[in-house]
Amino acid sequence: MPRRRSLTSQLYRAARVSNNLRAASRGPGSFAKRQVRRKAYRASGGLTRAILKAFGLSK
């Protein structure tokens, strides 16, 4: 049986899906920009997390 997701997790996922649909409705260029932006944020967030972990300030 799969693990149950928290309400917060479900709300964040619903918001992501909603924003993806909104971007897609504005055309492929808009959706592509969103994907690139999300990828960039993910990369910079990972770098920030790695630095914080080195100082023992993150999980």
N, C-alpha and C. Protein backbone atom coordinates (compact mmCIF):
# COMPACT_ATOMS: atom_id res chain seq x y z
N MET A 1 0.84 -1.17 0.00
CA MET A 1 0.00 0.00 0.00
C MET A 1 0.90 1.26 0.00
N PRO A 2 0.65 2.20 -0.91
CA PRO A 2 1.51 3.39 -0.97
C PRO A 2 1.33 4.29 0.24
N ARG A 3 2.39 5.03 0.52
CA ARG A 3 2.32 5.96 1.65
C ARG A 3 1.35 7.09 1.34
N ARG A 4 0.70 7.56 2.37
CA ARG A 4 -0.23 8.65 2.21
C ARG A 4 0.52 9.97 2.20
N ARG A 5 0.19 10.85 1.27
CA ARG A 5 0.85 12.15 1.20
C ARG A 5 0.18 13.12 2.15
N SER A 6 0.99 14.03 2.68
CA SER A 6 0.43 15.02 3.60
C SER A 6 -0.43 16.02 2.83
N LEU A 7 -1.28 16.72 3.54
CA LEU A 7 -2.13 17.72 2.92
C LEU A 7 -1.30 18.81 2.28
N THR A 8 -0.24 19.23 2.96
CA THR A 8 0.63 20.28 2.41
C THR A 8 1.24 19.82 1.09
N SER A 9 1.72 18.59 1.07
CA SER A 9 2.31 18.03 -0.14
C SER A 9 1.29 18.00 -1.28
N GLN A 10 0.07 17.62 -0.98
CA GLN A 10 -0.98 17.56 -2.00
C GLN A 10 -1.31 18.95 -2.52
N LEU A 11 -1.33 19.94 -1.64
CA LEU A 11 -1.64 21.31 -2.06
C LEU A 11 -0.54 21.88 -2.95
N TYR A 12 0.72 21.63 -2.58
CA TYR A 12 1.83 22.10 -3.41
C TYR A 12 1.79 21.44 -4.79
N ARG A 13 1.49 20.16 -4.82
CA ARG A 13 1.42 19.45 -6.10
C ARG A 13 0.29 20.00 -6.96
N ALA A 14 -0.88 20.25 -6.35
CA ALA A 14 -2.00 20.80 -7.09
C ALA A 14 -1.65 22.18 -7.65
N ALA A 15 -0.93 22.99 -6.87
CA ALA A 15 -0.52 24.31 -7.34
C ALA A 15 0.44 24.19 -8.52
N ARG A 16 1.39 23.25 -8.46
CA ARG A 16 2.32 23.04 -9.58
C ARG A 16 1.58 22.64 -10.84
N VAL A 17 0.65 21.71 -10.71
CA VAL A 17 -0.12 21.24 -11.86
C VAL A 17 -0.94 22.39 -12.44
N SER A 18 -1.56 23.16 -11.57
CA SER A 18 -2.37 24.29 -12.02
C SER A 18 -1.53 25.31 -12.78
N ASN A 19 -0.36 25.62 -12.25
CA ASN A 19 0.52 26.59 -12.91
C ASN A 19 1.07 26.04 -14.22
N ASN A 20 1.33 24.74 -14.28
CA ASN A 20 1.78 24.12 -15.53
C ASN A 20 0.68 24.23 -16.59
N LEU A 21 -0.55 23.97 -16.20
CA LEU A 21 -1.66 24.06 -17.14
C LEU A 21 -1.87 25.50 -17.61
N ARG A 22 -1.73 26.44 -16.70
CA ARG A 22 -1.89 27.86 -17.07
C ARG A 22 -0.82 28.27 -18.07
N ALA A 23 0.42 27.85 -17.82
CA ALA A 23 1.51 28.18 -18.75
C ALA A 23 1.28 27.51 -20.09
N ALA A 24 0.84 26.26 -20.08
CA ALA A 24 0.61 25.53 -21.32
C ALA A 24 -0.51 26.17 -22.13
N SER A 25 -1.52 26.72 -21.44
CA SER A 25 -2.63 27.35 -22.15
C SER A 25 -2.19 28.64 -22.85
N ARG A 26 -1.09 29.21 -22.39
CA ARG A 26 -0.58 30.44 -23.02
C ARG A 26 0.35 30.15 -24.18
N GLY A 27 0.61 28.87 -24.43
CA GLY A 27 1.40 28.51 -25.59
C GLY A 27 2.66 27.76 -25.22
N PRO A 28 3.29 27.13 -26.21
CA PRO A 28 4.48 26.33 -25.94
C PRO A 28 5.67 27.16 -25.47
N GLY A 29 5.78 28.40 -25.92
CA GLY A 29 6.89 29.25 -25.49
C GLY A 29 6.81 29.55 -24.00
N SER A 30 5.61 29.85 -23.55
CA SER A 30 5.39 30.15 -22.14
C SER A 30 5.69 28.94 -21.26
N PHE A 31 5.24 27.77 -21.73
CA PHE A 31 5.47 26.54 -20.97
C PHE A 31 6.96 26.21 -20.92
N ALA A 32 7.64 26.39 -22.04
CA ALA A 32 9.09 26.11 -22.09
C ALA A 32 9.85 27.03 -21.15
N LYS A 33 9.48 28.31 -21.12
CA LYS A 33 10.14 29.25 -20.21
C LYS A 33 9.96 28.81 -18.76
N ARG A 34 8.76 28.35 -18.44
CA ARG A 34 8.49 27.88 -17.07
C ARG A 34 9.38 26.68 -16.72
N GLN A 35 9.51 25.75 -17.66
CA GLN A 35 10.33 24.57 -17.41
C GLN A 35 11.79 24.96 -17.19
N VAL A 36 12.30 25.87 -18.01
CA VAL A 36 13.69 26.30 -17.88
C VAL A 36 13.89 27.01 -16.54
N ARG A 37 12.94 27.87 -16.20
CA ARG A 37 13.03 28.60 -14.93
C ARG A 37 13.02 27.64 -13.75
N ARG A 38 12.15 26.63 -13.78
CA ARG A 38 12.09 25.66 -12.69
C ARG A 38 13.39 24.87 -12.57
N LYS A 39 13.97 24.52 -13.72
CA LYS A 39 15.22 23.77 -13.72
C LYS A 39 16.35 24.61 -13.12
N ALA A 40 16.37 25.90 -13.45
CA ALA A 40 17.40 26.80 -12.92
C ALA A 40 17.24 26.96 -11.41
N TYR A 41 16.00 27.12 -10.94
CA TYR A 41 15.77 27.25 -9.50
C TYR A 41 16.19 25.97 -8.77
N ARG A 42 15.92 24.82 -9.39
CA ARG A 42 16.27 23.54 -8.78
C ARG A 42 17.79 23.43 -8.63
N ALA A 43 18.51 23.85 -9.66
CA ALA A 43 19.97 23.76 -9.63
C ALA A 43 20.55 24.70 -8.57
N SER A 44 20.06 25.94 -8.54
CA SER A 44 20.60 26.89 -7.57
C SER A 44 20.21 26.49 -6.15
N GLY A 45 19.01 25.92 -5.99
CA GLY A 45 18.59 25.46 -4.68
C GLY A 45 19.45 24.31 -4.19
N GLY A 46 19.83 23.42 -5.11
CA GLY A 46 20.70 22.30 -4.73
C GLY A 46 22.07 22.77 -4.31
N LEU A 47 22.60 23.78 -5.00
CA LEU A 47 23.89 24.34 -4.64
C LEU A 47 23.83 25.00 -3.27
N THR A 48 22.79 25.77 -3.05
CA THR A 48 22.61 26.44 -1.75
C THR A 48 22.51 25.40 -0.64
N ARG A 49 21.73 24.33 -0.88
CA ARG A 49 21.57 23.29 0.12
C ARG A 49 22.90 22.61 0.43
N ALA A 50 23.71 22.37 -0.61
CA ALA A 50 25.02 21.72 -0.41
C ALA A 50 25.92 22.60 0.45
N ILE A 51 25.89 23.89 0.21
CA ILE A 51 26.72 24.81 1.01
C ILE A 51 26.24 24.83 2.46
N LEU A 52 24.92 24.90 2.64
CA LEU A 52 24.38 24.90 4.01
C LEU A 52 24.67 23.60 4.73
N LYS A 53 24.60 22.47 4.01
CA LYS A 53 24.92 21.18 4.63
C LYS A 53 26.38 21.14 5.07
N ALA A 54 27.26 21.76 4.30
CA ALA A 54 28.68 21.77 4.66
C ALA A 54 28.90 22.46 6.00
N PHE A 55 28.04 23.43 6.30
CA PHE A 55 28.15 24.15 7.58
C PHE A 55 27.23 23.55 8.64
N GLY A 56 26.52 22.48 8.30
CA GLY A 56 25.65 21.81 9.25
C GLY A 56 24.36 22.57 9.50
N LEU A 57 23.93 23.38 8.52
CA LEU A 57 22.74 24.20 8.71
C LEU A 57 21.51 23.67 7.95
N SER A 58 21.67 22.51 7.31
CA SER A 58 20.55 21.94 6.56
C SER A 58 20.59 20.42 6.69
N LYS A 59 19.47 19.79 6.38
CA LYS A 59 19.39 18.33 6.46
C LYS A 59 20.06 17.69 5.28
